[in-house]
């Protein structure tokens, strides 16, 4: 009787481990989809190409002009960042909330600042 109970316990644990493994795998692949850039808290890591490709710019505070312009970014800050399609914080804009990744702004961003749009 004790052996039967032990087999049920081991079988139940095997099912639980399989379920946890199945749910953990997508999380790991979703995280790896983010581009590689220095994880410096309080910064915006912006890329010259979509999907986190091209060269990157690490923005610490608002910049008047970003040259060359950027197309995607990862927010490593606890507050939102706003990127703008024109110089001097104007034109089209996209807000990246805390720790958000945007693979394509849909425009070339020439300026960015810390804070809501």
PDB file of N, CA and C in Angstrom:
ATOM      1  N   UNK A   1       0.820  -1.175   0.000  1.00  0.00           N
ATOM      2  CA  UNK A   1       0.000   0.000   0.000  1.00  0.00           C
ATOM      3  C   UNK A   1       0.877   1.256   0.000  1.00  0.00           C
ATOM      4  N   UNK A   2       1.935   1.237   0.790  1.00  0.00           N
ATOM      5  CA  UNK A   2       2.852   2.362   0.858  1.00  0.00           C
ATOM      6  C   UNK A   2       3.548   2.569  -0.488  1.00  0.00           C
ATOM      7  N   UNK A   3       3.887   1.499  -1.189  1.00  0.00           N
ATOM      8  CA  UNK A   3       4.552   1.587  -2.486  1.00  0.00           C
ATOM      9  C   UNK A   3       3.625   2.225  -3.505  1.00  0.00           C
ATOM     10  N   UNK A   4       2.353   1.881  -3.497  1.00  0.00           N
ATOM     11  CA  UNK A   4       1.375   2.462  -4.423  1.00  0.00           C
ATOM     12  C   UNK A   4       1.234   3.960  -4.204  1.00  0.00           C
ATOM     13  N   UNK A   5       1.187   4.391  -2.948  1.00  0.00           N
ATOM     14  CA  UNK A   5       1.080   5.815  -2.633  1.00  0.00           C
ATOM     15  C   UNK A   5       2.334   6.557  -3.078  1.00  0.00           C
ATOM     16  N   UNK A   6       3.492   5.931  -2.904  1.00  0.00           N
ATOM     17  CA  UNK A   6       4.752   6.544  -3.311  1.00  0.00           C
ATOM     18  C   UNK A   6       4.809   6.700  -4.826  1.00  0.00           C
ATOM     19  N   UNK A   7       4.332   5.685  -5.557  1.00  0.00           N
ATOM     20  CA  UNK A   7       4.305   5.764  -7.029  1.00  0.00           C
ATOM     21  C   UNK A   7       3.400   6.895  -7.487  1.00  0.00           C
ATOM     22  N   UNK A   8       2.237   7.074  -6.840  1.00  0.00           N
ATOM     23  CA  UNK A   8       1.326   8.159  -7.203  1.00  0.00           C
ATOM     24  C   UNK A   8       1.978   9.515  -6.948  1.00  0.00           C
ATOM     25  N   UNK A   9       2.688   9.631  -5.841  1.00  0.00           N
ATOM     26  CA  UNK A   9       3.363  10.874  -5.503  1.00  0.00           C
ATOM     27  C   UNK A   9       4.435  11.206  -6.535  1.00  0.00           C
ATOM     28  N   UNK A  10       5.264  10.226  -6.880  1.00  0.00           N
ATOM     29  CA  UNK A  10       6.328  10.434  -7.871  1.00  0.00           C
ATOM     30  C   UNK A  10       5.720  10.768  -9.225  1.00  0.00           C
ATOM     31  N   UNK A  11       4.658  10.085  -9.608  1.00  0.00           N
ATOM     32  CA  UNK A  11       3.994  10.350 -10.877  1.00  0.00           C
ATOM     33  C   UNK A  11       3.428  11.773 -10.899  1.00  0.00           C
ATOM     34  N   UNK A  12       2.821  12.186  -9.793  1.00  0.00           N
ATOM     35  CA  UNK A  12       2.271  13.541  -9.698  1.00  0.00           C
ATOM     36  C   UNK A  12       3.351  14.601  -9.783  1.00  0.00           C
ATOM     37  N   UNK A  13       4.484  14.358  -9.156  1.00  0.00           N
ATOM     38  CA  UNK A  13       5.599  15.303  -9.216  1.00  0.00           C
ATOM     39  C   UNK A  13       6.151  15.413 -10.635  1.00  0.00           C
ATOM     40  N   UNK A  14       6.213  14.289 -11.332  1.00  0.00           N
ATOM     41  CA  UNK A  14       6.712  14.307 -12.707  1.00  0.00           C
ATOM     42  C   UNK A  14       5.811  15.151 -13.595  1.00  0.00           C
ATOM     43  N   UNK A  15       4.502  15.048 -13.409  1.00  0.00           N
ATOM     44  CA  UNK A  15       3.554  15.845 -14.191  1.00  0.00           C
ATOM     45  C   UNK A  15       3.721  17.328 -13.842  1.00  0.00           C
ATOM     46  N   UNK A  16       3.878  17.641 -12.571  1.00  0.00           N
ATOM     47  CA  UNK A  16       4.049  19.032 -12.144  1.00  0.00           C
ATOM     48  C   UNK A  16       5.327  19.635 -12.724  1.00  0.00           C
ATOM     49  N   UNK A  17       6.424  18.885 -12.707  1.00  0.00           N
ATOM     50  CA  UNK A  17       7.687  19.373 -13.261  1.00  0.00           C
ATOM     51  C   UNK A  17       7.555  19.594 -14.763  1.00  0.00           C
ATOM     52  N   UNK A  18       6.888  18.697 -15.452  1.00  0.00           N
ATOM     53  CA  UNK A  18       6.683  18.855 -16.897  1.00  0.00           C
ATOM     54  C   UNK A  18       5.854  20.098 -17.188  1.00  0.00           C
ATOM     55  N   UNK A  19       4.833  20.366 -16.381  1.00  0.00           N
ATOM     56  CA  UNK A  19       3.983  21.542 -16.582  1.00  0.00           C
ATOM     57  C   UNK A  19       4.777  22.821 -16.355  1.00  0.00           C
ATOM     58  N   UNK A  20       5.602  22.857 -15.332  1.00  0.00           N
ATOM     59  CA  UNK A  20       6.418  24.045 -15.051  1.00  0.00           C
ATOM     60  C   UNK A  20       7.430  24.255 -16.175  1.00  0.00           C
ATOM     61  N   UNK A  21       8.045  23.197 -16.652  1.00  0.00           N
ATOM     62  CA  UNK A  21       9.012  23.318 -17.743  1.00  0.00           C
ATOM     63  C   UNK A  21       8.357  23.852 -18.999  1.00  0.00           C
ATOM     64  N   UNK A  22       7.151  23.395 -19.289  1.00  0.00           N
ATOM     65  CA  UNK A  22       6.443  23.838 -20.494  1.00  0.00           C
ATOM     66  C   UNK A  22       6.082  25.309 -20.408  1.00  0.00           C
ATOM     67  N   UNK A  23       5.704  25.794 -19.225  1.00  0.00           N
ATOM     68  CA  UNK A  23       5.347  27.202 -19.107  1.00  0.00           C
ATOM     69  C   UNK A  23       6.568  28.092 -18.987  1.00  0.00           C
ATOM     70  N   UNK A  24       7.693  27.599 -18.516  1.00  0.00           N
ATOM     71  CA  UNK A  24       8.898  28.410 -18.369  1.00  0.00           C
ATOM     72  C   UNK A  24       9.596  28.638 -19.702  1.00  0.00           C
ATOM     73  N   UNK A  25       9.493  27.716 -20.626  1.00  0.00           N
ATOM     74  CA  UNK A  25      10.196  27.835 -21.897  1.00  0.00           C
ATOM     75  C   UNK A  25       9.780  29.063 -22.701  1.00  0.00           C
ATOM     76  N   UNK A  26       8.468  29.377 -22.868  1.00  0.00           N
ATOM     77  CA  UNK A  26       8.118  30.562 -23.630  1.00  0.00           C
ATOM     78  C   UNK A  26       8.642  31.848 -22.998  1.00  0.00           C
ATOM     79  N   UNK A  27       8.670  31.943 -21.693  1.00  0.00           N
ATOM     80  CA  UNK A  27       9.164  33.149 -21.033  1.00  0.00           C
ATOM     81  C   UNK A  27      10.628  33.386 -21.379  1.00  0.00           C
ATOM     82  N   UNK A  28      11.410  32.349 -21.412  1.00  0.00           N
ATOM     83  CA  UNK A  28      12.825  32.491 -21.743  1.00  0.00           C
ATOM     84  C   UNK A  28      12.998  32.947 -23.187  1.00  0.00           C
ATOM     85  N   UNK A  29      12.206  32.412 -24.116  1.00  0.00           N
ATOM     86  CA  UNK A  29      12.352  32.807 -25.509  1.00  0.00           C
ATOM     87  C   UNK A  29      11.839  34.218 -25.729  1.00  0.00           C
ATOM     88  N   UNK A  30      10.813  34.658 -24.977  1.00  0.00           N
ATOM     89  CA  UNK A  30      10.309  36.024 -25.113  1.00  0.00           C
ATOM     90  C   UNK A  30      11.358  37.015 -24.633  1.00  0.00           C
ATOM     91  N   UNK A  31      12.059  36.685 -23.556  1.00  0.00           N
ATOM     92  CA  UNK A  31      13.089  37.579 -23.045  1.00  0.00           C
ATOM     93  C   UNK A  31      14.252  37.672 -24.014  1.00  0.00           C
ATOM     94  N   UNK A  32      14.594  36.584 -24.665  1.00  0.00           N
ATOM     95  CA  UNK A  32      15.715  36.602 -25.594  1.00  0.00           C
ATOM     96  C   UNK A  32      15.380  37.379 -26.862  1.00  0.00           C
ATOM     97  N   UNK A  33      14.095  37.712 -27.083  1.00  0.00           N
ATOM     98  CA  UNK A  33      13.700  38.478 -28.254  1.00  0.00           C
ATOM     99  C   UNK A  33      14.126  39.936 -28.130  1.00  0.00           C
ATOM    100  N   UNK A  34      14.396  40.407 -26.914  1.00  0.00           N
ATOM    101  CA  UNK A  34      14.848  41.779 -26.739  1.00  0.00           C
ATOM    102  C   UNK A  34      16.283  41.908 -27.223  1.00  0.00           C
ATOM    103  N   UNK A  35      16.610  43.056 -27.802  1.00  0.00           N
ATOM    104  CA  UNK A  35      17.973  43.246 -28.304  1.00  0.00           C
ATOM    105  C   UNK A  35      18.997  43.323 -27.174  1.00  0.00           C
ATOM    106  N   UNK A  36      20.233  43.101 -27.547  1.00  0.00           N
ATOM    107  CA  UNK A  36      21.322  43.167 -26.586  1.00  0.00           C
ATOM    108  C   UNK A  36      21.788  44.611 -26.455  1.00  0.00           C
ATOM    109  N   UNK A  37      21.779  45.106 -25.241  1.00  0.00           N
ATOM    110  CA  UNK A  37      22.325  46.432 -24.971  1.00  0.00           C
ATOM    111  C   UNK A  37      22.659  46.497 -23.493  1.00  0.00           C
ATOM    112  N   UNK A  38      23.520  47.418 -23.108  1.00  0.00           N
ATOM    113  CA  UNK A  38      23.869  47.515 -21.687  1.00  0.00           C
ATOM    114  C   UNK A  38      22.631  47.801 -20.842  1.00  0.00           C
ATOM    115  N   UNK A  39      22.436  47.050 -19.778  1.00  0.00           N
ATOM    116  CA  UNK A  39      21.285  47.258 -18.892  1.00  0.00           C
ATOM    117  C   UNK A  39      21.692  48.220 -17.786  1.00  0.00           C
ATOM    118  N   UNK A  40      21.669  49.480 -18.115  1.00  0.00           N
ATOM    119  CA  UNK A  40      22.014  50.528 -17.166  1.00  0.00           C
ATOM    120  C   UNK A  40      20.711  51.167 -16.714  1.00  0.00           C
ATOM    121  N   UNK A  41      20.402  51.016 -15.453  1.00  0.00           N
ATOM    122  CA  UNK A  41      19.158  51.542 -14.914  1.00  0.00           C
ATOM    123  C   UNK A  41      19.078  53.051 -15.118  1.00  0.00           C
ATOM    124  N   UNK A  42      17.905  53.526 -15.507  1.00  0.00           N
ATOM    125  CA  UNK A  42      17.695  54.953 -15.705  1.00  0.00           C
ATOM    126  C   UNK A  42      18.042  55.441 -17.096  1.00  0.00           C
ATOM    127  N   UNK A  43      18.197  54.511 -18.062  1.00  0.00           N
ATOM    128  CA  UNK A  43      18.575  54.900 -19.423  1.00  0.00           C
ATOM    129  C   UNK A  43      17.570  54.372 -20.451  1.00  0.00           C
ATOM    130  N   UNK A  44      17.679  54.916 -21.645  1.00  0.00           N
ATOM    131  CA  UNK A  44      16.960  54.418 -22.814  1.00  0.00           C
ATOM    132  C   UNK A  44      18.019  53.941 -23.787  1.00  0.00           C
ATOM    133  N   UNK A  45      17.961  52.690 -24.165  1.00  0.00           N
ATOM    134  CA  UNK A  45      18.901  52.128 -25.124  1.00  0.00           C
ATOM    135  C   UNK A  45      18.208  52.134 -26.484  1.00  0.00           C
ATOM    136  N   UNK A  46      18.657  53.006 -27.386  1.00  0.00           N
ATOM    137  CA  UNK A  46      17.999  53.208 -28.681  1.00  0.00           C
ATOM    138  C   UNK A  46      18.890  52.704 -29.816  1.00  0.00           C
ATOM    139  N   UNK A  47      18.246  52.169 -30.867  1.00  0.00           N
ATOM    140  CA  UNK A  47      18.956  51.553 -31.991  1.00  0.00           C
ATOM    141  C   UNK A  47      18.635  52.262 -33.302  1.00  0.00           C
ATOM    142  N   UNK A  48      19.611  52.298 -34.198  1.00  0.00           N
ATOM    143  CA  UNK A  48      19.445  52.977 -35.480  1.00  0.00           C
ATOM    144  C   UNK A  48      18.554  52.212 -36.451  1.00  0.00           C
ATOM    145  N   UNK A  49      18.307  50.938 -36.198  1.00  0.00           N
ATOM    146  CA  UNK A  49      17.458  50.123 -37.073  1.00  0.00           C
ATOM    147  C   UNK A  49      16.296  49.531 -36.270  1.00  0.00           C
ATOM    148  N   UNK A  50      15.294  49.016 -36.949  1.00  0.00           N
ATOM    149  CA  UNK A  50      14.185  48.350 -36.287  1.00  0.00           C
ATOM    150  C   UNK A  50      14.663  47.045 -35.652  1.00  0.00           C
ATOM    151  N   UNK A  51      13.872  46.491 -34.773  1.00  0.00           N
ATOM    152  CA  UNK A  51      14.143  45.209 -34.119  1.00  0.00           C
ATOM    153  C   UNK A  51      15.451  45.191 -33.322  1.00  0.00           C
ATOM    154  N   UNK A  52      15.844  46.343 -32.797  1.00  0.00           N
ATOM    155  CA  UNK A  52      17.057  46.395 -31.979  1.00  0.00           C
ATOM    156  C   UNK A  52      18.324  46.122 -32.758  1.00  0.00           C
ATOM    157  N   UNK A  53      18.332  46.439 -34.039  1.00  0.00           N
ATOM    158  CA  UNK A  53      19.501  46.208 -34.894  1.00  0.00           C
ATOM    159  C   UNK A  53      20.235  47.526 -35.126  1.00  0.00           C
ATOM    160  N   UNK A  54      21.392  47.434 -35.728  1.00  0.00           N
ATOM    161  CA  UNK A  54      22.194  48.621 -36.018  1.00  0.00           C
ATOM    162  C   UNK A  54      22.992  49.036 -34.792  1.00  0.00           C
ATOM    163  N   UNK A  55      23.524  50.230 -34.835  1.00  0.00           N
ATOM    164  CA  UNK A  55      24.297  50.715 -33.689  1.00  0.00           C
ATOM    165  C   UNK A  55      23.341  51.278 -32.643  1.00  0.00           C
ATOM    166  N   UNK A  56      23.813  51.331 -31.399  1.00  0.00           N
ATOM    167  CA  UNK A  56      22.925  51.813 -30.344  1.00  0.00           C
ATOM    168  C   UNK A  56      23.446  53.091 -29.712  1.00  0.00           C
ATOM    169  N   UNK A  57      22.511  53.821 -29.146  1.00  0.00           N
ATOM    170  CA  UNK A  57      22.801  55.034 -28.385  1.00  0.00           C
ATOM    171  C   UNK A  57      22.231  54.825 -26.992  1.00  0.00           C
ATOM    172  N   UNK A  58      23.004  55.099 -25.966  1.00  0.00           N
ATOM    173  CA  UNK A  58      22.542  54.981 -24.595  1.00  0.00           C
ATOM    174  C   UNK A  58      22.204  56.393 -24.110  1.00  0.00           C
ATOM    175  N   UNK A  59      20.909  56.674 -23.956  1.00  0.00           N
ATOM    176  CA  UNK A  59      20.460  58.005 -23.564  1.00  0.00           C
ATOM    177  C   UNK A  59      20.233  58.054 -22.058  1.00  0.00           C
ATOM    178  N   UNK A  60      20.825  59.047 -21.411  1.00  0.00           N
ATOM    179  CA  UNK A  60      20.708  59.178 -19.971  1.00  0.00           C
ATOM    180  C   UNK A  60      19.709  60.261 -19.616  1.00  0.00           C
ATOM    181  N   UNK A  61      19.702  61.352 -20.338  1.00  0.00           N
ATOM    182  CA  UNK A  61      18.739  62.442 -20.157  1.00  0.00           C
ATOM    183  C   UNK A  61      18.250  62.825 -21.540  1.00  0.00           C
ATOM    184  N   UNK A  62      17.318  63.766 -21.608  1.00  0.00           N
ATOM    185  CA  UNK A  62      16.843  64.219 -22.915  1.00  0.00           C
ATOM    186  C   UNK A  62      17.991  64.759 -23.749  1.00  0.00           C
ATOM    187  N   UNK A  63      17.933  64.525 -25.029  1.00  0.00           N
ATOM    188  CA  UNK A  63      18.939  65.013 -25.959  1.00  0.00           C
ATOM    189  C   UNK A  63      18.234  65.873 -26.983  1.00  0.00           C
ATOM    190  N   UNK A  64      18.820  66.996 -27.364  1.00  0.00           N
ATOM    191  CA  UNK A  64      18.212  67.842 -28.385  1.00  0.00           C
ATOM    192  C   UNK A  64      18.118  67.157 -29.725  1.00  0.00           C
ATOM    193  N   UNK A  65      19.198  66.538 -30.149  1.00  0.00           N
ATOM    194  CA  UNK A  65      19.237  65.884 -31.458  1.00  0.00           C
ATOM    195  C   UNK A  65      19.937  64.547 -31.313  1.00  0.00           C
ATOM    196  N   UNK A  66      19.380  63.513 -31.930  1.00  0.00           N
ATOM    197  CA  UNK A  66      20.013  62.192 -31.960  1.00  0.00           C
ATOM    198  C   UNK A  66      20.450  61.953 -33.398  1.00  0.00           C
ATOM    199  N   UNK A  67      21.734  61.888 -33.630  1.00  0.00           N
ATOM    200  CA  UNK A  67      22.289  61.640 -34.959  1.00  0.00           C
ATOM    201  C   UNK A  67      23.212  60.437 -34.918  1.00  0.00           C
ATOM    202  N   UNK A  68      23.059  59.471 -35.786  1.00  0.00           N
ATOM    203  CA  UNK A  68      21.930  59.316 -36.690  1.00  0.00           C
ATOM    204  C   UNK A  68      20.659  58.994 -35.902  1.00  0.00           C
ATOM    205  N   UNK A  69      19.503  59.188 -36.523  1.00  0.00           N
ATOM    206  CA  UNK A  69      18.236  58.931 -35.826  1.00  0.00           C
ATOM    207  C   UNK A  69      18.080  57.457 -35.452  1.00  0.00           C
ATOM    208  N   UNK A  70      17.182  57.188 -34.520  1.00  0.00           N
ATOM    209  CA  UNK A  70      16.951  55.819 -34.051  1.00  0.00           C
ATOM    210  C   UNK A  70      15.553  55.346 -34.432  1.00  0.00           C
ATOM    211  N   UNK A  71      15.384  53.999 -34.514  1.00  0.00           N
ATOM    212  CA  UNK A  71      14.111  53.400 -34.950  1.00  0.00           C
ATOM    213  C   UNK A  71      13.482  52.459 -33.927  1.00  0.00           C
ATOM    214  N   UNK A  72      14.245  52.025 -32.911  1.00  0.00           N
ATOM    215  CA  UNK A  72      13.727  51.099 -31.905  1.00  0.00           C
ATOM    216  C   UNK A  72      14.477  51.349 -30.596  1.00  0.00           C
ATOM    217  N   UNK A  73      13.875  50.876 -29.476  1.00  0.00           N
ATOM    218  CA  UNK A  73      14.521  51.142 -28.186  1.00  0.00           C
ATOM    219  C   UNK A  73      14.002  50.229 -27.094  1.00  0.00           C
ATOM    220  N   UNK A  74      14.812  50.131 -26.036  1.00  0.00           N
ATOM    221  CA  UNK A  74      14.449  49.429 -24.803  1.00  0.00           C
ATOM    222  C   UNK A  74      14.563  50.443 -23.664  1.00  0.00           C
ATOM    223  N   UNK A  75      13.495  50.589 -22.893  1.00  0.00           N
ATOM    224  CA  UNK A  75      13.507  51.508 -21.759  1.00  0.00           C
ATOM    225  C   UNK A  75      13.987  50.765 -20.519  1.00  0.00           C
ATOM    226  N   UNK A  76      15.138  51.152 -19.993  1.00  0.00           N
ATOM    227  CA  UNK A  76      15.688  50.561 -18.770  1.00  0.00           C
ATOM    228  C   UNK A  76      15.503  51.515 -17.596  1.00  0.00           C
ATOM    229  N   UNK A  77      14.383  52.205 -17.600  1.00  0.00           N
ATOM    230  CA  UNK A  77      14.120  53.217 -16.586  1.00  0.00           C
ATOM    231  C   UNK A  77      12.799  52.923 -15.882  1.00  0.00           C
ATOM    232  N   UNK A  78      12.659  53.430 -14.684  1.00  0.00           N
ATOM    233  CA  UNK A  78      11.418  53.234 -13.928  1.00  0.00           C
ATOM    234  C   UNK A  78      10.350  54.255 -14.315  1.00  0.00           C
ATOM    235  N   UNK A  79      10.696  55.194 -15.183  1.00  0.00           N
ATOM    236  CA  UNK A  79       9.735  56.178 -15.689  1.00  0.00           C
ATOM    237  C   UNK A  79       9.683  56.074 -17.210  1.00  0.00           C
ATOM    238  N   UNK A  80       8.601  56.552 -17.828  1.00  0.00           N
ATOM    239  CA  UNK A  80       8.499  56.486 -19.296  1.00  0.00           C
ATOM    240  C   UNK A  80       9.515  57.402 -19.984  1.00  0.00           C
ATOM    241  N   UNK A  81       9.775  57.100 -21.240  1.00  0.00           N
ATOM    242  CA  UNK A  81      10.555  57.959 -22.121  1.00  0.00           C
ATOM    243  C   UNK A  81       9.689  58.265 -23.338  1.00  0.00           C
ATOM    244  N   UNK A  82       9.858  59.428 -23.922  1.00  0.00           N
ATOM    245  CA  UNK A  82       9.132  59.817 -25.128  1.00  0.00           C
ATOM    246  C   UNK A  82      10.147  60.079 -26.226  1.00  0.00           C
ATOM    247  N   UNK A  83       9.955  59.447 -27.392  1.00  0.00           N
ATOM    248  CA  UNK A  83      10.825  59.680 -28.546  1.00  0.00           C
ATOM    249  C   UNK A  83      10.024  60.446 -29.597  1.00  0.00           C
ATOM    250  N   UNK A  84      10.707  61.339 -30.320  1.00  0.00           N
ATOM    251  CA  UNK A  84      10.049  62.253 -31.251  1.00  0.00           C
ATOM    252  C   UNK A  84      10.627  62.131 -32.652  1.00  0.00           C
ATOM    253  N   UNK A  85       9.772  62.314 -33.640  1.00  0.00           N
ATOM    254  CA  UNK A  85      10.178  62.225 -35.033  1.00  0.00           C
ATOM    255  C   UNK A  85      10.895  63.451 -35.548  1.00  0.00           C
ATOM    256  N   UNK A  86      10.894  64.519 -34.778  1.00  0.00           N
ATOM    257  CA  UNK A  86      11.581  65.741 -35.190  1.00  0.00           C
ATOM    258  C   UNK A  86      12.520  66.214 -34.091  1.00  0.00           C
ATOM    259  N   UNK A  87      13.431  67.078 -34.481  1.00  0.00           N
ATOM    260  CA  UNK A  87      14.351  67.656 -33.509  1.00  0.00           C
ATOM    261  C   UNK A  87      13.583  68.553 -32.547  1.00  0.00           C
ATOM    262  N   UNK A  88      14.149  68.806 -31.418  1.00  0.00           N
ATOM    263  CA  UNK A  88      13.566  69.701 -30.412  1.00  0.00           C
ATOM    264  C   UNK A  88      12.235  69.196 -29.870  1.00  0.00           C
ATOM    265  N   UNK A  89      12.122  67.868 -29.719  1.00  0.00           N
ATOM    266  CA  UNK A  89      10.978  67.239 -29.038  1.00  0.00           C
ATOM    267  C   UNK A  89       9.639  67.594 -29.679  1.00  0.00           C
ATOM    268  N   UNK A  90       9.526  67.385 -30.983  1.00  0.00           N
ATOM    269  CA  UNK A  90       8.308  67.722 -31.719  1.00  0.00           C
ATOM    270  C   UNK A  90       8.009  66.637 -32.750  1.00  0.00           C
ATOM    271  N   UNK A  91       6.841  66.717 -33.374  1.00  0.00           N
ATOM    272  CA  UNK A  91       6.453  65.791 -34.434  1.00  0.00           C
ATOM    273  C   UNK A  91       5.843  64.508 -33.892  1.00  0.00           C
ATOM    274  N   UNK A  92       5.903  63.452 -34.719  1.00  0.00           N
ATOM    275  CA  UNK A  92       5.374  62.152 -34.283  1.00  0.00           C
ATOM    276  C   UNK A  92       6.069  61.748 -33.000  1.00  0.00           C
ATOM    277  N   UNK A  93       5.356  60.990 -32.170  1.00  0.00           N
ATOM    278  CA  UNK A  93       5.964  60.574 -30.901  1.00  0.00           C
ATOM    279  C   UNK A  93       5.461  59.209 -30.476  1.00  0.00           C
ATOM    280  N   UNK A  94       6.298  58.537 -29.720  1.00  0.00           N
ATOM    281  CA  UNK A  94       5.961  57.243 -29.132  1.00  0.00           C
ATOM    282  C   UNK A  94       6.439  57.260 -27.689  1.00  0.00           C
ATOM    283  N   UNK A  95       5.584  56.785 -26.802  1.00  0.00           N
ATOM    284  CA  UNK A  95       5.972  56.675 -25.394  1.00  0.00           C
ATOM    285  C   UNK A  95       6.352  55.242 -25.080  1.00  0.00           C
ATOM    286  N   UNK A  96       7.514  55.072 -24.468  1.00  0.00           N
ATOM    287  CA  UNK A  96       7.948  53.761 -23.992  1.00  0.00           C
ATOM    288  C   UNK A  96       7.805  53.767 -22.475  1.00  0.00           C
ATOM    289  N   UNK A  97       6.891  52.964 -21.969  1.00  0.00           N
ATOM    290  CA  UNK A  97       6.677  52.882 -20.533  1.00  0.00           C
ATOM    291  C   UNK A  97       7.843  52.164 -19.865  1.00  0.00           C
ATOM    292  N   UNK A  98       7.835  52.145 -18.557  1.00  0.00           N
ATOM    293  CA  UNK A  98       8.917  51.541 -17.781  1.00  0.00           C
ATOM    294  C   UNK A  98       9.255  50.143 -18.283  1.00  0.00           C
ATOM    295  N   UNK A  99      10.506  49.922 -18.610  1.00  0.00           N
ATOM    296  CA  UNK A  99      11.058  48.628 -19.020  1.00  0.00           C
ATOM    297  C   UNK A  99      10.372  48.040 -20.257  1.00  0.00           C
ATOM    298  N   UNK A 100       9.832  48.892 -21.113  1.00  0.00           N
ATOM    299  CA  UNK A 100       9.166  48.461 -22.346  1.00  0.00           C
ATOM    300  C   UNK A 100      10.158  48.434 -23.509  1.00  0.00           C
ATOM    301  N   UNK A 101       9.915  47.539 -24.458  1.00  0.00           N
ATOM    302  CA  UNK A 101      10.711  47.427 -25.683  1.00  0.00           C
ATOM    303  C   UNK A 101       9.790  47.729 -26.861  1.00  0.00           C
ATOM    304  N   UNK A 102      10.212  48.616 -27.750  1.00  0.00           N
ATOM    305  CA  UNK A 102       9.465  48.914 -28.974  1.00  0.00           C
ATOM    306  C   UNK A 102      10.374  48.590 -30.147  1.00  0.00           C
ATOM    307  N   UNK A 103       9.994  47.594 -30.935  1.00  0.00           N
ATOM    308  CA  UNK A 103      10.824  47.104 -32.029  1.00  0.00           C
ATOM    309  C   UNK A 103      10.803  48.011 -33.256  1.00  0.00           C
ATOM    310  N   UNK A 104       9.793  48.897 -33.380  1.00  0.00           N
ATOM    311  CA  UNK A 104       9.711  49.786 -34.540  1.00  0.00           C
ATOM    312  C   UNK A 104       8.798  50.959 -34.214  1.00  0.00           C
ATOM    313  N   UNK A 105       9.376  52.152 -34.133  1.00  0.00           N
ATOM    314  CA  UNK A 105       8.576  53.346 -33.858  1.00  0.00           C
ATOM    315  C   UNK A 105       7.654  53.680 -35.028  1.00  0.00           C
ATOM    316  N   UNK A 106       8.038  53.268 -36.233  1.00  0.00           N
ATOM    317  CA  UNK A 106       7.277  53.639 -37.426  1.00  0.00           C
ATOM    318  C   UNK A 106       7.784  54.942 -38.034  1.00  0.00           C
ATOM    319  N   UNK A 107       8.842  55.485 -37.473  1.00  0.00           N
ATOM    320  CA  UNK A 107       9.456  56.718 -37.979  1.00  0.00           C
ATOM    321  C   UNK A 107      10.878  56.809 -37.424  1.00  0.00           C
ATOM    322  N   UNK A 108      11.679  57.683 -38.036  1.00  0.00           N
ATOM    323  CA  UNK A 108      13.016  57.966 -37.512  1.00  0.00           C
ATOM    324  C   UNK A 108      12.864  58.948 -36.359  1.00  0.00           C
ATOM    325  N   UNK A 109      13.420  58.603 -35.199  1.00  0.00           N
ATOM    326  CA  UNK A 109      13.350  59.488 -34.032  1.00  0.00           C
ATOM    327  C   UNK A 109      14.639  60.307 -33.937  1.00  0.00           C
ATOM    328  N   UNK A 110      14.474  61.630 -33.895  1.00  0.00           N
ATOM    329  CA  UNK A 110      15.600  62.546 -33.834  1.00  0.00           C
ATOM    330  C   UNK A 110      15.820  63.156 -32.456  1.00  0.00           C
ATOM    331  N   UNK A 111      14.859  62.960 -31.522  1.00  0.00           N
ATOM    332  CA  UNK A 111      15.038  63.464 -30.158  1.00  0.00           C
ATOM    333  C   UNK A 111      14.262  62.587 -29.190  1.00  0.00           C
ATOM    334  N   UNK A 112      14.668  62.628 -27.924  1.00  0.00           N
ATOM    335  CA  UNK A 112      14.006  61.833 -26.886  1.00  0.00           C
ATOM    336  C   UNK A 112      14.176  62.541 -25.553  1.00  0.00           C
ATOM    337  N   UNK A 113      13.205  62.327 -24.677  1.00  0.00           N
ATOM    338  CA  UNK A 113      13.324  62.894 -23.330  1.00  0.00           C
ATOM    339  C   UNK A 113      12.680  61.953 -22.321  1.00  0.00           C
ATOM    340  N   UNK A 114      13.183  62.033 -21.125  1.00  0.00           N
ATOM    341  CA  UNK A 114      12.662  61.238 -20.011  1.00  0.00           C
ATOM    342  C   UNK A 114      11.357  61.864 -19.561  1.00  0.00           C
ATOM    343  N   UNK A 115      10.299  61.047 -19.431  1.00  0.00           N
ATOM    344  CA  UNK A 115       8.987  61.538 -19.017  1.00  0.00           C
ATOM    345  C   UNK A 115       7.924  61.178 -20.030  1.00  0.00           C
ATOM    346  N   UNK A 116       6.679  61.407 -19.652  1.00  0.00           N
ATOM    347  CA  UNK A 116       5.544  61.089 -20.537  1.00  0.00           C
ATOM    348  C   UNK A 116       5.517  62.012 -21.749  1.00  0.00           C
ATOM    349  N   UNK A 117       4.903  61.522 -22.828  1.00  0.00           N
ATOM    350  CA  UNK A 117       4.756  62.328 -24.035  1.00  0.00           C
ATOM    351  C   UNK A 117       3.730  63.438 -23.829  1.00  0.00           C
TER     352      UNK A 117
END
